[in-house]
C-alpha atoms as a PDB file:
ATOM      1  CA  MET A   1      26.246  50.799 247.321  1.00  0.00           C
ATOM      2  CA  LYS A   2      26.339  51.974 250.944  1.00  0.00           C
ATOM      3  CA  ILE A   3      29.015  50.345 253.113  1.00  0.00           C
ATOM      4  CA  ILE A   4      28.379  52.278 256.330  1.00  0.00           C
ATOM      5  CA  ASP A   5      27.349  55.851 257.104  1.00  0.00           C
ATOM      6  CA  HIS A   6      29.427  58.249 254.978  1.00  0.00           C
ATOM      7  CA  ILE A   7      31.061  55.488 252.890  1.00  0.00           C
ATOM      8  CA  TRP A   8      29.858  54.079 249.564  1.00  0.00           C
ATOM      9  CA  GLN A   9      31.174  51.937 246.757  1.00  0.00           C
ATOM     10  CA  VAL A  10      30.716  54.107 243.663  1.00  0.00           C
ATOM     11  CA  GLY A  11      32.685  52.196 241.052  1.00  0.00           C
ATOM     12  CA  GLY A  12      33.923  48.819 239.916  1.00  0.00           C
ATOM     13  CA  GLY A  13      32.515  46.153 237.627  1.00  0.00           C
ATOM     14  CA  SER A  14      28.826  46.683 236.900  1.00  0.00           C
ATOM     15  CA  LEU A  15      28.808  50.068 238.664  1.00  0.00           C
ATOM     16  CA  THR A  16      31.119  51.731 236.146  1.00  0.00           C
ATOM     17  CA  ALA A  17      33.098  49.734 233.575  1.00  0.00           C
ATOM     18  CA  GLU A  18      34.494  46.257 233.062  1.00  0.00           C
ATOM     19  CA  GLY A  19      38.080  46.243 234.218  1.00  0.00           C
ATOM     20  CA  ASP A  20      37.566  48.763 237.011  1.00  0.00           C
ATOM     21  CA  ALA A  21      38.641  47.757 240.475  1.00  0.00           C
ATOM     22  CA  ALA A  22      36.345  48.828 243.299  1.00  0.00           C
ATOM     23  CA  ILE A  23      36.159  52.579 243.911  1.00  0.00           C
ATOM     24  CA  TYR A  24      35.072  53.921 247.294  1.00  0.00           C
ATOM     25  CA  LEU A  25      33.794  57.335 248.384  1.00  0.00           C
ATOM     26  CA  ILE A  26      34.209  58.781 251.879  1.00  0.00           C
ATOM     27  CA  ALA A  27      31.894  61.795 252.241  1.00  0.00           C
ATOM     28  CA  CYS A  28      31.913  63.859 255.440  1.00  0.00           C
ATOM     29  CA  ASP A  29      30.127  67.207 255.939  1.00  0.00           C
ATOM     30  CA  THR A  30      31.965  69.715 253.702  1.00  0.00           C
ATOM     31  CA  ALA A  31      34.667  67.433 252.282  1.00  0.00           C
ATOM     32  CA  ALA A  32      35.007  64.033 250.644  1.00  0.00           C
ATOM     33  CA  ALA A  33      37.684  61.678 249.363  1.00  0.00           C
ATOM     34  CA  LEU A  34      37.751  59.005 246.694  1.00  0.00           C
ATOM     35  CA  VAL A  35      39.787  55.818 247.042  1.00  0.00           C
ATOM     36  CA  ASP A  36      41.032  54.820 243.578  1.00  0.00           C
ATOM     37  CA  ALA A  37      39.665  55.848 240.197  1.00  0.00           C
ATOM     38  CA  GLY A  38      39.298  52.753 238.023  1.00  0.00           C
ATOM     39  CA  CYS A  39      40.705  52.592 234.509  1.00  0.00           C
ATOM     40  CA  GLY A  40      38.800  55.634 233.217  1.00  0.00           C
ATOM     41  CA  ARG A  41      36.579  53.801 230.755  1.00  0.00           C
ATOM     42  CA  GLY A  42      33.498  54.407 232.913  1.00  0.00           C
ATOM     43  CA  HIS A  43      34.334  57.992 233.869  1.00  0.00           C
ATOM     44  CA  GLU A  44      30.891  59.478 233.195  1.00  0.00           C
ATOM     45  CA  LYS A  45      29.142  56.790 235.248  1.00  0.00           C
ATOM     46  CA  LEU A  46      31.654  57.233 238.043  1.00  0.00           C
ATOM     47  CA  VAL A  47      31.089  60.993 238.203  1.00  0.00           C
ATOM     48  CA  MET A  48      27.330  60.435 238.279  1.00  0.00           C
ATOM     49  CA  ASN A  49      27.661  57.899 241.105  1.00  0.00           C
ATOM     50  CA  ILE A  50      29.893  60.237 243.103  1.00  0.00           C
ATOM     51  CA  MET A  51      27.554  63.199 242.703  1.00  0.00           C
ATOM     52  CA  GLN A  52      24.618  61.185 244.050  1.00  0.00           C
ATOM     53  CA  HIS A  53      26.296  61.147 247.462  1.00  0.00           C
ATOM     54  CA  LEU A  54      27.755  64.665 247.636  1.00  0.00           C
ATOM     55  CA  GLN A  55      25.871  67.599 249.088  1.00  0.00           C
ATOM     56  CA  PRO A  56      26.068  70.856 247.090  1.00  0.00           C
ATOM     57  CA  GLU A  57      28.541  72.283 249.617  1.00  0.00           C
ATOM     58  CA  THR A  58      30.732  69.146 249.728  1.00  0.00           C
ATOM     59  CA  GLU A  59      34.097  69.329 247.972  1.00  0.00           C
ATOM     60  CA  LEU A  60      35.845  66.217 246.669  1.00  0.00           C
ATOM     61  CA  ALA A  61      39.148  67.184 248.245  1.00  0.00           C
ATOM     62  CA  TYR A  62      41.314  64.096 247.678  1.00  0.00           C
ATOM     63  CA  LEU A  63      41.768  61.176 245.342  1.00  0.00           C
ATOM     64  CA  PHE A  64      43.721  58.583 247.310  1.00  0.00           C
ATOM     65  CA  LEU A  65      45.394  55.987 245.077  1.00  0.00           C
ATOM     66  CA  THR A  66      46.186  52.647 246.676  1.00  0.00           C
ATOM     67  CA  HIS A  67      48.744  51.842 243.990  1.00  0.00           C
ATOM     68  CA  CYS A  68      49.738  52.517 240.397  1.00  0.00           C
ATOM     69  CA  HIS A  69      47.966  49.741 238.508  1.00  0.00           C
ATOM     70  CA  PHE A  70      45.753  50.665 235.578  1.00  0.00           C
ATOM     71  CA  ASP A  71      42.517  49.252 236.988  1.00  0.00           C
ATOM     72  CA  HIS A  72      42.920  51.492 240.050  1.00  0.00           C
ATOM     73  CA  ALA A  73      44.708  54.571 238.696  1.00  0.00           C
ATOM     74  CA  GLY A  74      44.037  54.786 234.952  1.00  0.00           C
ATOM     75  CA  GLY A  75      41.135  57.193 235.450  1.00  0.00           C
ATOM     76  CA  ALA A  76      42.908  59.417 237.980  1.00  0.00           C
ATOM     77  CA  SER A  77      43.650  62.340 235.654  1.00  0.00           C
ATOM     78  CA  LEU A  78      40.020  62.482 234.518  1.00  0.00           C
ATOM     79  CA  ILE A  79      38.795  62.640 238.119  1.00  0.00           C
ATOM     80  CA  LYS A  80      41.390  65.265 239.012  1.00  0.00           C
ATOM     81  CA  LYS A  81      40.386  67.385 236.016  1.00  0.00           C
ATOM     82  CA  HIS A  82      36.665  67.128 236.793  1.00  0.00           C
ATOM     83  CA  PHE A  83      36.766  67.787 240.542  1.00  0.00           C
ATOM     84  CA  GLY A  84      40.051  69.637 241.018  1.00  0.00           C
ATOM     85  CA  CYS A  85      41.019  67.287 243.845  1.00  0.00           C
ATOM     86  CA  THR A  86      44.490  66.614 245.226  1.00  0.00           C
ATOM     87  CA  LEU A  87      45.910  63.381 243.823  1.00  0.00           C
ATOM     88  CA  VAL A  88      47.766  61.285 246.409  1.00  0.00           C
ATOM     89  CA  ALA A  89      50.047  58.265 245.882  1.00  0.00           C
ATOM     90  CA  HIS A  90      53.182  56.801 247.413  1.00  0.00           C
ATOM     91  CA  GLU A  91      56.418  58.075 245.894  1.00  0.00           C
ATOM     92  CA  HIS A  92      57.524  54.542 244.944  1.00  0.00           C
ATOM     93  CA  ASP A  93      54.481  54.121 242.663  1.00  0.00           C
ATOM     94  CA  ALA A  94      54.266  57.767 241.594  1.00  0.00           C
ATOM     95  CA  VAL A  95      57.374  57.272 239.478  1.00  0.00           C
ATOM     96  CA  PHE A  96      55.578  54.666 237.327  1.00  0.00           C
ATOM     97  CA  LEU A  97      52.498  56.863 236.914  1.00  0.00           C
ATOM     98  CA  GLU A  98      54.406  60.017 236.057  1.00  0.00           C
ATOM     99  CA  SER A  99      56.633  58.201 233.555  1.00  0.00           C
ATOM    100  CA  ALA A 100      53.647  56.401 231.965  1.00  0.00           C
ATOM    101  CA  ASP A 101      55.232  52.982 232.476  1.00  0.00           C
ATOM    102  CA  SER A 102      52.704  50.684 230.791  1.00  0.00           C
ATOM    103  CA  ILE A 103      54.405  47.571 232.169  1.00  0.00           C
ATOM    104  CA  ALA A 104      54.790  48.455 235.856  1.00  0.00           C
ATOM    105  CA  THR A 105      51.273  49.945 235.884  1.00  0.00           C
ATOM    106  CA  ALA A 106      49.867  46.752 234.294  1.00  0.00           C
ATOM    107  CA  ALA A 107      48.217  48.831 231.550  1.00  0.00           C
ATOM    108  CA  ARG A 108      49.439  46.278 229.012  1.00  0.00           C
ATOM    109  CA  TRP A 109      47.504  43.584 230.886  1.00  0.00           C
ATOM    110  CA  TYR A 110      44.372  45.540 229.981  1.00  0.00           C
ATOM    111  CA  GLY A 111      45.342  46.076 226.346  1.00  0.00           C
ATOM    112  CA  ALA A 112      46.027  49.746 226.990  1.00  0.00           C
ATOM    113  CA  ASP A 113      48.737  52.344 227.213  1.00  0.00           C
ATOM    114  CA  ILE A 114      48.699  54.834 230.060  1.00  0.00           C
ATOM    115  CA  ALA A 115      49.280  58.569 229.764  1.00  0.00           C
ATOM    116  CA  PRO A 116      51.460  60.319 232.352  1.00  0.00           C
ATOM    117  CA  ILE A 117      49.584  60.946 235.612  1.00  0.00           C
ATOM    118  CA  LEU A 118      51.052  63.737 237.729  1.00  0.00           C
ATOM    119  CA  ILE A 119      50.843  63.174 241.474  1.00  0.00           C
ATOM    120  CA  ASP A 120      50.168  66.252 243.608  1.00  0.00           C
ATOM    121  CA  HIS A 121      51.103  64.759 246.959  1.00  0.00           C
ATOM    122  CA  LYS A 122      53.635  61.955 247.286  1.00  0.00           C
ATOM    123  CA  ILE A 123      53.658  59.949 250.497  1.00  0.00           C
ATOM    124  CA  MET A 124      57.217  59.279 251.634  1.00  0.00           C
ATOM    125  CA  GLU A 125      56.770  57.882 255.126  1.00  0.00           C
ATOM    126  CA  ALA A 126      55.395  54.661 256.593  1.00  0.00           C
ATOM    127  CA  GLU A 127      52.303  56.553 257.773  1.00  0.00           C
ATOM    128  CA  GLU A 128      50.671  59.862 256.944  1.00  0.00           C
ATOM    129  CA  VAL A 129      47.476  61.362 258.339  1.00  0.00           C
ATOM    130  CA  PHE A 130      44.926  63.391 256.367  1.00  0.00           C
ATOM    131  CA  LYS A 131      41.989  65.455 257.627  1.00  0.00           C
ATOM    132  CA  VAL A 132      38.960  65.229 255.322  1.00  0.00           C
ATOM    133  CA  GLY A 133      36.109  67.276 256.717  1.00  0.00           C
ATOM    134  CA  ASN A 134      35.474  65.871 260.181  1.00  0.00           C
ATOM    135  CA  SER A 135      37.162  62.554 259.352  1.00  0.00           C
ATOM    136  CA  VAL A 136      40.748  61.461 259.917  1.00  0.00           C
ATOM    137  CA  ILE A 137      42.225  59.128 257.303  1.00  0.00           C
ATOM    138  CA  HIS A 138      45.484  57.272 257.908  1.00  0.00           C
ATOM    139  CA  ALA A 139      47.600  56.216 254.935  1.00  0.00           C
ATOM    140  CA  PHE A 140      49.948  53.285 255.578  1.00  0.00           C
ATOM    141  CA  HIS A 141      52.709  52.086 253.253  1.00  0.00           C
ATOM    142  CA  THR A 142      52.151  48.367 252.614  1.00  0.00           C
ATOM    143  CA  PRO A 143      54.574  47.302 249.862  1.00  0.00           C
ATOM    144  CA  GLY A 144      54.509  43.892 248.236  1.00  0.00           C
ATOM    145  CA  HIS A 145      51.948  43.859 245.444  1.00  0.00           C
ATOM    146  CA  SER A 146      53.700  46.983 244.177  1.00  0.00           C
ATOM    147  CA  PRO A 147      56.584  48.973 245.703  1.00  0.00           C
ATOM    148  CA  GLY A 148      54.316  51.848 246.702  1.00  0.00           C
ATOM    149  CA  SER A 149      51.127  50.070 247.708  1.00  0.00           C
ATOM    150  CA  LEU A 150      49.075  51.910 250.329  1.00  0.00           C
ATOM    151  CA  VAL A 151      46.077  51.155 252.494  1.00  0.00           C
ATOM    152  CA  TYR A 152      43.816  53.764 254.063  1.00  0.00           C
ATOM    153  CA  LEU A 153      42.139  53.487 257.452  1.00  0.00           C
ATOM    154  CA  THR A 154      39.363  55.605 258.930  1.00  0.00           C
ATOM    155  CA  GLU A 155      36.853  55.234 261.742  1.00  0.00           C
ATOM    156  CA  VAL A 156      33.067  55.579 261.502  1.00  0.00           C
ATOM    157  CA  ASP A 157      30.822  55.209 264.550  1.00  0.00           C
ATOM    158  CA  GLY A 158      33.562  53.399 266.438  1.00  0.00           C
ATOM    159  CA  LYS A 159      34.278  50.961 263.601  1.00  0.00           C
ATOM    160  CA  LYS A 160      37.637  50.816 261.831  1.00  0.00           C
ATOM    161  CA  VAL A 161      37.168  50.789 258.052  1.00  0.00           C
ATOM    162  CA  LEU A 162      40.163  49.603 256.023  1.00  0.00           C
ATOM    163  CA  PHE A 163      40.568  50.267 252.307  1.00  0.00           C
ATOM    164  CA  GLY A 164      43.002  47.541 251.257  1.00  0.00           C
ATOM    165  CA  GLN A 165      42.484  47.238 247.558  1.00  0.00           C
ATOM    166  CA  ASP A 166      44.767  44.427 246.400  1.00  0.00           C
ATOM    167  CA  ILE A 167      45.474  42.561 249.616  1.00  0.00           C
ATOM    168  CA  HIS A 168      45.108  39.364 247.581  1.00  0.00           C
ATOM    169  CA  GLY A 169      47.996  40.256 245.251  1.00  0.00           C
ATOM    170  CA  PRO A 170      48.970  38.981 242.737  1.00  0.00           C
ATOM    171  CA  LEU A 171      52.745  39.082 242.868  1.00  0.00           C
ATOM    172  CA  HIS A 172      54.498  39.372 239.520  1.00  0.00           C
ATOM    173  CA  PRO A 173      57.974  40.502 238.390  1.00  0.00           C
ATOM    174  CA  GLU A 174      56.525  42.988 235.882  1.00  0.00           C
ATOM    175  CA  LEU A 175      54.667  44.674 238.744  1.00  0.00           C
ATOM    176  CA  ARG A 176      57.891  44.951 240.803  1.00  0.00           C
ATOM    177  CA  SER A 177      56.273  42.769 243.464  1.00  0.00           C
ATOM    178  CA  ASN A 178      58.257  41.608 246.477  1.00  0.00           C
ATOM    179  CA  GLN A 179      57.155  38.544 248.430  1.00  0.00           C
ATOM    180  CA  ASN A 180      58.965  39.366 251.676  1.00  0.00           C
ATOM    181  CA  ASP A 181      57.474  42.857 251.717  1.00  0.00           C
ATOM    182  CA  TYR A 182      54.062  41.392 250.936  1.00  0.00           C
ATOM    183  CA  ILE A 183      54.187  38.968 253.877  1.00  0.00           C
ATOM    184  CA  ASN A 184      55.301  41.722 256.249  1.00  0.00           C
ATOM    185  CA  SER A 185      52.518  43.982 254.995  1.00  0.00           C
ATOM    186  CA  LEU A 186      49.895  41.289 255.550  1.00  0.00           C
ATOM    187  CA  LYS A 187      51.085  40.861 259.139  1.00  0.00           C
ATOM    188  CA  PHE A 188      50.853  44.607 259.652  1.00  0.00           C
ATOM    189  CA  LEU A 189      47.316  44.679 258.245  1.00  0.00           C
ATOM    190  CA  LEU A 190      46.274  42.005 260.728  1.00  0.00           C
ATOM    191  CA  SER A 191      47.593  44.195 263.552  1.00  0.00           C
ATOM    192  CA  LEU A 192      45.175  46.981 262.563  1.00  0.00           C
ATOM    193  CA  GLU A 193      42.204  44.808 263.626  1.00  0.00           C
ATOM    194  CA  ALA A 194      39.794  46.447 261.195  1.00  0.00           C
ATOM    195  CA  ASP A 195      36.048  45.928 261.545  1.00  0.00           C
ATOM    196  CA  ILE A 196      35.303  46.402 257.840  1.00  0.00           C
ATOM    197  CA  LEU A 197      37.567  45.685 254.865  1.00  0.00           C
ATOM    198  CA  CYS A 198      36.830  47.288 251.496  1.00  0.00           C
ATOM    199  CA  GLU A 199      38.859  45.206 249.036  1.00  0.00           C
ATOM    200  CA  GLY A 200      39.514  45.999 245.400  1.00  0.00           C
ATOM    201  CA  HIS A 201      38.306  42.812 243.729  1.00  0.00           C
ATOM    202  CA  PHE A 202      36.805  40.564 246.415  1.00  0.00           C
ATOM    203  CA  GLY A 203      34.130  42.811 247.886  1.00  0.00           C
ATOM    204  CA  VAL A 204      33.485  43.994 251.428  1.00  0.00           C
ATOM    205  CA  TYR A 205      34.209  41.958 254.565  1.00  0.00           C
ATOM    206  CA  ARG A 206      32.383  42.801 257.788  1.00  0.00           C
ATOM    207  CA  GLY A 207      33.398  41.882 261.321  1.00  0.00           C
ATOM    208  CA  LYS A 208      36.893  41.552 262.776  1.00  0.00           C
ATOM    209  CA  ALA A 209      36.893  37.775 262.326  1.00  0.00           C
ATOM    210  CA  ALA A 210      35.934  37.906 258.644  1.00  0.00           C
ATOM    211  CA  VAL A 211      38.512  40.607 257.930  1.00  0.00           C
ATOM    212  CA  HIS A 212      41.207  38.696 259.822  1.00  0.00           C
ATOM    213  CA  ASP A 213      40.456  35.413 258.073  1.00  0.00           C
ATOM    214  CA  PHE A 214      40.533  36.976 254.598  1.00  0.00           C
ATOM    215  CA  ILE A 215      43.888  38.665 255.178  1.00  0.00           C
ATOM    216  CA  ALA A 216      45.389  35.660 256.973  1.00  0.00           C
ATOM    217  CA  SER A 217      44.409  33.334 254.122  1.00  0.00           C
ATOM    218  CA  PHE A 218      47.162  34.882 251.989  1.00  0.00           C
ATOM    219  CA  LEU A 219      49.821  34.091 254.572  1.00  0.00           C
ATOM    220  CA  SER A 220      49.442  30.346 254.061  1.00  0.00           C
END
């Protein structure tokens, strides 16, 4: 499903497998990046969907994980093995993936165990910038839902596109959620004034007002 030029939803729900959160592809000239990987149960469909939007010369350079939960990260090792991409996550969530913590990753919520997932690049700062082909992608640390939750922001044709997968939460002790961090992160997300929000479970919001209202609704 095309979101805007160079950005597609390639996974989630009926596109790949039940239990997958939304998966987004950013494809620019010779390089591309994937945002999240689903749980891995629809891996073959996901690869097929990705390949439909990649030119022969385009390399899938990065897999950007928004956080460690099974429905977003469970399929990460399969994607890394298939495409040879660099796997990126925040250091505070990388520890749960690399130690195969089935509670903190919510794998148990999906009736699954999770194998160790090794992270190639661990984000340690509040912001980090990546160059993917001719696109610039900003990673921002937005803790709350999990300790190492991230959002990614890029710009296409003058429009800010925000990948904020679990802006809605939930907050739960098993997930190491923190309400104060969550509230502060929501306020920060509002300050970005994105034109398009690609959420993990609630679809795509278009227009600054719609994006603002969705994010702000979780502050009440």
